[in-house]
C-alpha atoms as a PDB file:
ATOM      1  CA  MET A   1     135.588 -97.077 -80.389  1.00  0.00           C
ATOM      2  CA  GLU A   2     135.303 -93.272 -80.191  1.00  0.00           C
ATOM      3  CA  ILE A   3     131.969 -91.798 -80.477  1.00  0.00           C
ATOM      4  CA  THR A   4     132.760 -88.788 -82.829  1.00  0.00           C
ATOM      5  CA  ALA A   5     130.531 -85.806 -83.037  1.00  0.00           C
ATOM      6  CA  SER A   6     129.717 -86.478 -86.847  1.00  0.00           C
ATOM      7  CA  LEU A   7     128.701 -90.288 -85.757  1.00  0.00           C
ATOM      8  CA  VAL A   8     126.181 -88.557 -83.338  1.00  0.00           C
ATOM      9  CA  LYS A   9     125.234 -86.150 -86.046  1.00  0.00           C
ATOM     10  CA  GLU A  10     124.460 -88.931 -88.329  1.00  0.00           C
ATOM     11  CA  LEU A  11     122.205 -90.661 -85.892  1.00  0.00           C
ATOM     12  CA  ARG A  12     120.543 -87.570 -84.948  1.00  0.00           C
ATOM     13  CA  GLU A  13     119.750 -87.055 -88.791  1.00  0.00           C
ATOM     14  CA  LYS A  14     118.541 -90.615 -89.126  1.00  0.00           C
ATOM     15  CA  THR A  15     116.345 -90.878 -85.762  1.00  0.00           C
ATOM     16  CA  GLY A  16     115.437 -87.151 -85.314  1.00  0.00           C
ATOM     17  CA  LEU A  17     116.343 -87.843 -81.702  1.00  0.00           C
ATOM     18  CA  GLY A  18     118.088 -85.400 -79.408  1.00  0.00           C
ATOM     19  CA  MET A  19     122.157 -85.538 -79.045  1.00  0.00           C
ATOM     20  CA  MET A  20     122.413 -86.781 -75.769  1.00  0.00           C
ATOM     21  CA  GLU A  21     120.131 -89.701 -76.441  1.00  0.00           C
ATOM     22  CA  CYS A  22     122.042 -90.399 -79.597  1.00  0.00           C
ATOM     23  CA  LYS A  23     125.459 -90.472 -77.894  1.00  0.00           C
ATOM     24  CA  LYS A  24     124.250 -92.478 -75.307  1.00  0.00           C
ATOM     25  CA  ALA A  25     122.977 -95.165 -77.902  1.00  0.00           C
ATOM     26  CA  LEU A  26     126.245 -95.168 -79.897  1.00  0.00           C
ATOM     27  CA  THR A  27     128.186 -95.581 -76.620  1.00  0.00           C
ATOM     28  CA  GLU A  28     125.885 -98.377 -75.882  1.00  0.00           C
ATOM     29  CA  THR A  29     126.531-100.154 -79.225  1.00  0.00           C
ATOM     30  CA  SER A  30     130.010 -99.524 -79.451  1.00  0.00           C
ATOM     31  CA  GLY A  31     129.533 -96.827 -82.274  1.00  0.00           C
ATOM     32  CA  ASP A  32     127.576 -99.139 -84.473  1.00  0.00           C
ATOM     33  CA  LEU A  33     125.121 -97.036 -86.314  1.00  0.00           C
ATOM     34  CA  ALA A  34     122.775 -99.728 -87.305  1.00  0.00           C
ATOM     35  CA  LYS A  35     122.673-101.339 -83.785  1.00  0.00           C
ATOM     36  CA  ALA A  36     122.263 -97.882 -82.139  1.00  0.00           C
ATOM     37  CA  VAL A  37     118.923 -97.343 -84.358  1.00  0.00           C
ATOM     38  CA  ASP A  38     117.734-100.877 -83.054  1.00  0.00           C
ATOM     39  CA  HIS A  39     118.636 -99.964 -79.906  1.00  0.00           C
ATOM     40  CA  LEU A  40     116.669 -96.625 -79.718  1.00  0.00           C
ATOM     41  CA  ARG A  41     113.561 -98.621 -81.449  1.00  0.00           C
ATOM     42  CA  LYS A  42     113.487-101.311 -78.863  1.00  0.00           C
ATOM     43  CA  ARG A  43     113.661 -98.351 -76.048  1.00  0.00           C
ATOM     44  CA  GLY A  44     110.759 -97.101 -77.648  1.00  0.00           C
ATOM     45  CA  ALA A  45     112.518 -93.689 -78.713  1.00  0.00           C
ATOM     46  CA  LEU A  46     111.676 -93.740 -82.235  1.00  0.00           C
ATOM     47  CA  LYS A  47     108.117 -94.914 -81.324  1.00  0.00           C
ATOM     48  CA  ALA A  48     107.491 -91.514 -79.651  1.00  0.00           C
ATOM     49  CA  GLU A  49     108.718 -89.778 -82.769  1.00  0.00           C
ATOM     50  CA  GLY A  50     105.914 -90.822 -84.941  1.00  0.00           C
ATOM     51  CA  LYS A  51     103.559 -89.172 -82.359  1.00  0.00           C
ATOM     52  CA  SER A  52     104.832 -85.694 -82.450  1.00  0.00           C
ATOM     53  CA  ASP A  53     102.103 -84.589 -84.816  1.00  0.00           C
ATOM     54  CA  ARG A  54      98.897 -85.652 -82.922  1.00  0.00           C
ATOM     55  CA  ILE A  55      96.886 -82.745 -81.367  1.00  0.00           C
ATOM     56  CA  THR A  56      97.461 -82.469 -77.380  1.00  0.00           C
ATOM     57  CA  SER A  57      94.362 -80.632 -76.102  1.00  0.00           C
ATOM     58  CA  GLU A  58      94.154 -82.255 -72.776  1.00  0.00           C
ATOM     59  CA  GLY A  59      96.691 -81.906 -70.016  1.00  0.00           C
ATOM     60  CA  VAL A  60      97.170 -80.072 -66.835  1.00  0.00           C
ATOM     61  CA  ILE A  61      98.366 -76.889 -65.484  1.00  0.00           C
ATOM     62  CA  SER A  62     100.323 -77.415 -62.421  1.00  0.00           C
ATOM     63  CA  SER A  63     102.391 -75.230 -60.004  1.00  0.00           C
ATOM     64  CA  TYR A  64     105.399 -75.941 -57.974  1.00  0.00           C
ATOM     65  CA  ILE A  65     106.636 -73.857 -54.877  1.00  0.00           C
ATOM     66  CA  HIS A  66     110.182 -74.638 -53.615  1.00  0.00           C
ATOM     67  CA  MET A  67     112.135 -73.067 -51.054  1.00  0.00           C
ATOM     68  CA  GLY A  68     109.503 -72.299 -48.590  1.00  0.00           C
ATOM     69  CA  GLY A  69     107.940 -69.996 -50.893  1.00  0.00           C
ATOM     70  CA  LYS A  70     111.035 -68.139 -52.356  1.00  0.00           C
ATOM     71  CA  VAL A  71     110.546 -69.628 -56.180  1.00  0.00           C
ATOM     72  CA  GLY A  72     107.539 -70.945 -57.943  1.00  0.00           C
ATOM     73  CA  VAL A  73     106.631 -72.358 -61.139  1.00  0.00           C
ATOM     74  CA  LEU A  74     103.625 -72.395 -62.998  1.00  0.00           C
ATOM     75  CA  LEU A  75     103.651 -75.020 -66.085  1.00  0.00           C
ATOM     76  CA  GLU A  76     101.325 -76.097 -68.866  1.00  0.00           C
ATOM     77  CA  ILE A  77     101.700 -79.764 -70.353  1.00  0.00           C
ATOM     78  CA  ASN A  78      99.312 -81.371 -72.839  1.00  0.00           C
ATOM     79  CA  CYS A  79      98.315 -84.740 -73.981  1.00  0.00           C
ATOM     80  CA  GLU A  80      95.982 -86.364 -76.166  1.00  0.00           C
ATOM     81  CA  THR A  81      93.593 -87.711 -73.548  1.00  0.00           C
ATOM     82  CA  ASP A  82      92.185 -86.612 -69.948  1.00  0.00           C
ATOM     83  CA  PHE A  83      92.969 -90.544 -69.206  1.00  0.00           C
ATOM     84  CA  VAL A  84      96.739 -90.197 -69.683  1.00  0.00           C
ATOM     85  CA  ALA A  85      96.580 -86.602 -68.117  1.00  0.00           C
ATOM     86  CA  ARG A  86      95.630 -88.081 -64.830  1.00  0.00           C
ATOM     87  CA  SER A  87      97.776 -91.190 -64.852  1.00  0.00           C
ATOM     88  CA  GLU A  88     100.814 -91.304 -62.191  1.00  0.00           C
ATOM     89  CA  ASP A  89     103.146 -91.480 -65.150  1.00  0.00           C
ATOM     90  CA  PHE A  90     102.115 -88.075 -66.393  1.00  0.00           C
ATOM     91  CA  THR A  91     101.777 -86.444 -63.083  1.00  0.00           C
ATOM     92  CA  SER A  92     105.418 -87.460 -62.086  1.00  0.00           C
ATOM     93  CA  LEU A  93     106.637 -85.802 -65.502  1.00  0.00           C
ATOM     94  CA  VAL A  94     104.810 -82.688 -64.660  1.00  0.00           C
ATOM     95  CA  LYS A  95     106.475 -82.651 -61.238  1.00  0.00           C
ATOM     96  CA  ASP A  96     110.051 -83.436 -62.745  1.00  0.00           C
ATOM     97  CA  VAL A  97     109.584 -80.624 -65.260  1.00  0.00           C
ATOM     98  CA  ALA A  98     108.270 -77.931 -62.803  1.00  0.00           C
ATOM     99  CA  MET A  99     111.217 -78.941 -60.289  1.00  0.00           C
ATOM    100  CA  HIS A 100     113.709 -78.846 -63.244  1.00  0.00           C
ATOM    101  CA  ILE A 101     112.592 -75.388 -64.006  1.00  0.00           C
ATOM    102  CA  THR A 102     112.950 -74.224 -60.574  1.00  0.00           C
ATOM    103  CA  ALA A 103     116.313 -75.221 -60.457  1.00  0.00           C
ATOM    104  CA  ALA A 104     117.690 -74.813 -64.114  1.00  0.00           C
ATOM    105  CA  LYS A 105     116.258 -71.398 -64.738  1.00  0.00           C
ATOM    106  CA  PRO A 106     115.197 -71.631 -68.518  1.00  0.00           C
ATOM    107  CA  THR A 107     113.750 -68.786 -70.284  1.00  0.00           C
ATOM    108  CA  TYR A 108     111.862 -70.622 -73.378  1.00  0.00           C
ATOM    109  CA  VAL A 109     110.429 -73.858 -74.092  1.00  0.00           C
ATOM    110  CA  LYS A 110     112.438 -74.782 -77.601  1.00  0.00           C
ATOM    111  CA  ARG A 111     114.474 -73.096 -79.594  1.00  0.00           C
ATOM    112  CA  GLU A 112     111.724 -71.735 -82.151  1.00  0.00           C
ATOM    113  CA  ASP A 113     110.268 -69.796 -79.280  1.00  0.00           C
ATOM    114  CA  VAL A 114     113.947 -67.852 -78.896  1.00  0.00           C
ATOM    115  CA  PRO A 115     113.390 -64.211 -80.558  1.00  0.00           C
ATOM    116  CA  GLN A 116     115.863 -63.575 -83.365  1.00  0.00           C
ATOM    117  CA  ASP A 117     116.661 -60.144 -81.980  1.00  0.00           C
ATOM    118  CA  TYR A 118     118.078 -62.129 -79.005  1.00  0.00           C
ATOM    119  CA  LEU A 119     120.209 -64.537 -81.106  1.00  0.00           C
ATOM    120  CA  ASP A 120     121.544 -61.431 -83.050  1.00  0.00           C
ATOM    121  CA  LYS A 121     122.574 -59.862 -79.952  1.00  0.00           C
ATOM    122  CA  GLU A 122     124.355 -63.023 -78.590  1.00  0.00           C
ATOM    123  CA  LYS A 123     125.856 -63.525 -82.007  1.00  0.00           C
ATOM    124  CA  GLU A 124     127.364 -59.782 -81.665  1.00  0.00           C
ATOM    125  CA  ILE A 125     128.606 -60.689 -78.101  1.00  0.00           C
ATOM    126  CA  ILE A 126     130.048 -63.717 -79.531  1.00  0.00           C
ATOM    127  CA  LEU A 127     131.885 -61.815 -82.101  1.00  0.00           C
ATOM    128  CA  ALA A 128     133.104 -59.009 -79.977  1.00  0.00           C
ATOM    129  CA  GLN A 129     134.469 -61.329 -77.623  1.00  0.00           C
ATOM    130  CA  SER A 130     136.416 -63.592 -80.156  1.00  0.00           C
ATOM    131  CA  GLY A 131     137.899 -60.580 -82.085  1.00  0.00           C
ATOM    132  CA  ASP A 132     140.328 -61.100 -84.497  1.00  0.00           C
ATOM    133  CA  ASP A 133     140.875 -64.879 -83.681  1.00  0.00           C
ATOM    134  CA  LEU A 134     137.223 -65.725 -85.104  1.00  0.00           C
ATOM    135  CA  ASN A 135     137.406 -62.892 -87.954  1.00  0.00           C
ATOM    136  CA  ASN A 136     140.683 -64.181 -89.129  1.00  0.00           C
ATOM    137  CA  LYS A 137     139.266 -68.005 -89.748  1.00  0.00           C
ATOM    138  CA  PRO A 138     137.682 -68.984 -93.365  1.00  0.00           C
ATOM    139  CA  GLU A 139     134.101 -68.107 -93.446  1.00  0.00           C
ATOM    140  CA  ASN A 140     133.078 -71.755 -93.549  1.00  0.00           C
ATOM    141  CA  ILE A 141     135.109 -72.204 -90.469  1.00  0.00           C
ATOM    142  CA  ARG A 142     133.598 -69.225 -89.027  1.00  0.00           C
ATOM    143  CA  GLU A 143     130.048 -70.211 -89.619  1.00  0.00           C
ATOM    144  CA  LYS A 144     130.857 -73.688 -87.798  1.00  0.00           C
ATOM    145  CA  ILE A 145     132.230 -71.887 -84.797  1.00  0.00           C
ATOM    146  CA  LEU A 146     129.551 -69.803 -84.377  1.00  0.00           C
ATOM    147  CA  THR A 147     126.742 -72.214 -84.976  1.00  0.00           C
ATOM    148  CA  GLY A 148     128.374 -74.037 -82.157  1.00  0.00           C
ATOM    149  CA  ARG A 149     128.484 -71.395 -79.879  1.00  0.00           C
ATOM    150  CA  ILE A 150     124.883 -70.389 -80.596  1.00  0.00           C
ATOM    151  CA  ASP A 151     123.822 -74.118 -79.894  1.00  0.00           C
ATOM    152  CA  LYS A 152     125.447 -73.790 -76.472  1.00  0.00           C
ATOM    153  CA  ILE A 153     123.156 -70.768 -76.028  1.00  0.00           C
ATOM    154  CA  TYR A 154     120.350 -72.993 -76.869  1.00  0.00           C
ATOM    155  CA  ASN A 155     121.095 -75.578 -74.375  1.00  0.00           C
ATOM    156  CA  GLN A 156     121.670 -73.060 -71.604  1.00  0.00           C
ATOM    157  CA  VAL A 157     118.079 -70.731 -72.306  1.00  0.00           C
ATOM    158  CA  CYS A 158     115.699 -73.580 -73.789  1.00  0.00           C
ATOM    159  CA  LEU A 159     113.776 -75.997 -71.346  1.00  0.00           C
ATOM    160  CA  LEU A 160     113.834 -79.090 -74.066  1.00  0.00           C
ATOM    161  CA  GLU A 161     117.540 -78.812 -74.601  1.00  0.00           C
ATOM    162  CA  GLN A 162     118.817 -78.369 -70.975  1.00  0.00           C
ATOM    163  CA  PRO A 163     120.397 -81.763 -69.273  1.00  0.00           C
ATOM    164  CA  PHE A 164     117.405 -82.855 -67.127  1.00  0.00           C
ATOM    165  CA  VAL A 165     118.711 -82.131 -63.301  1.00  0.00           C
ATOM    166  CA  LYS A 166     117.861 -85.456 -62.021  1.00  0.00           C
ATOM    167  CA  ASN A 167     119.695 -87.230 -64.926  1.00  0.00           C
ATOM    168  CA  PRO A 168     122.197 -85.043 -66.783  1.00  0.00           C
ATOM    169  CA  ASP A 169     122.507 -88.047 -69.520  1.00  0.00           C
ATOM    170  CA  ILE A 170     119.474 -87.127 -70.960  1.00  0.00           C
ATOM    171  CA  THR A 171     117.998 -83.766 -72.147  1.00  0.00           C
ATOM    172  CA  VAL A 172     114.355 -82.649 -70.755  1.00  0.00           C
ATOM    173  CA  ASN A 173     113.086 -83.408 -74.331  1.00  0.00           C
ATOM    174  CA  ASP A 174     114.823 -86.833 -74.146  1.00  0.00           C
ATOM    175  CA  LEU A 175     112.675 -87.392 -70.821  1.00  0.00           C
ATOM    176  CA  VAL A 176     109.316 -86.371 -72.518  1.00  0.00           C
ATOM    177  CA  LYS A 177     110.115 -88.805 -75.243  1.00  0.00           C
ATOM    178  CA  GLU A 178     110.249 -91.348 -72.821  1.00  0.00           C
ATOM    179  CA  LYS A 179     106.754 -90.771 -71.652  1.00  0.00           C
ATOM    180  CA  ILE A 180     105.366 -90.719 -75.080  1.00  0.00           C
ATOM    181  CA  ALA A 181     106.898 -93.624 -75.997  1.00  0.00           C
ATOM    182  CA  LYS A 182     105.689 -95.369 -72.413  1.00  0.00           C
ATOM    183  CA  LEU A 183     102.226 -93.831 -72.624  1.00  0.00           C
ATOM    184  CA  GLY A 184     101.494 -93.955 -76.322  1.00  0.00           C
ATOM    185  CA  GLU A 185     100.388 -90.460 -76.369  1.00  0.00           C
ATOM    186  CA  ASN A 186     101.859 -87.187 -77.918  1.00  0.00           C
ATOM    187  CA  ILE A 187     102.864 -84.984 -74.988  1.00  0.00           C
ATOM    188  CA  THR A 188     103.934 -81.246 -75.216  1.00  0.00           C
ATOM    189  CA  ILE A 189     105.395 -78.614 -72.884  1.00  0.00           C
ATOM    190  CA  LYS A 190     103.112 -75.564 -73.599  1.00  0.00           C
ATOM    191  CA  ARG A 191     104.431 -72.725 -71.610  1.00  0.00           C
ATOM    192  CA  PHE A 192     105.616 -71.997 -68.140  1.00  0.00           C
ATOM    193  CA  THR A 193     106.624 -68.881 -65.909  1.00  0.00           C
ATOM    194  CA  ARG A 194     109.211 -69.072 -63.079  1.00  0.00           C
ATOM    195  CA  TYR A 195     108.748 -66.902 -60.145  1.00  0.00           C
ATOM    196  CA  VAL A 196     111.422 -65.742 -57.883  1.00  0.00           C
ATOM    197  CA  LEU A 197     110.433 -63.807 -54.893  1.00  0.00           C
ATOM    198  CA  GLY A 198     111.488 -59.929 -54.938  1.00  0.00           C
ATOM    199  CA  GLU A 199     112.020 -60.187 -58.749  1.00  0.00           C
END
């Protein structure tokens, strides 16, 4: 069965999980929505959603240096307890996220961090590049196309929405949710700075 965008969207709305994770679950369950929800529950992904409002006041600030000191990342990831912050799973998550930032060059952690003036400028560029092709379409179609193109921008600049460099089938957000489900605590990526020698 073909996994359509509307089916993925429906599963996303039901579960609140990322697009890639929903698509993967639907693929593994041959497009059966109910089975996909069960599959996600068995994997613990939905369990992670229930922890998202819990306070994360522990964690670590970590650094990662790459290419003989030419690129570096300073990163803060938070969890609920010091015990989890010192665990091997949490440490490996921190290292993976820092390495991802080094390679994928995100600008923001999540879409809520993206300034409105940046989005307005991108919309202006999209409209200018599209010319009459986009402007001649009905308003509702034009809005859908514009929303789709803005989503692609979020996928490029937002850390949580980028495909994870070590496994492009999942996003960084999916990776974090897997760790939340495994460790039983909420985990949030607070902030990061990426340094490049000479920039």
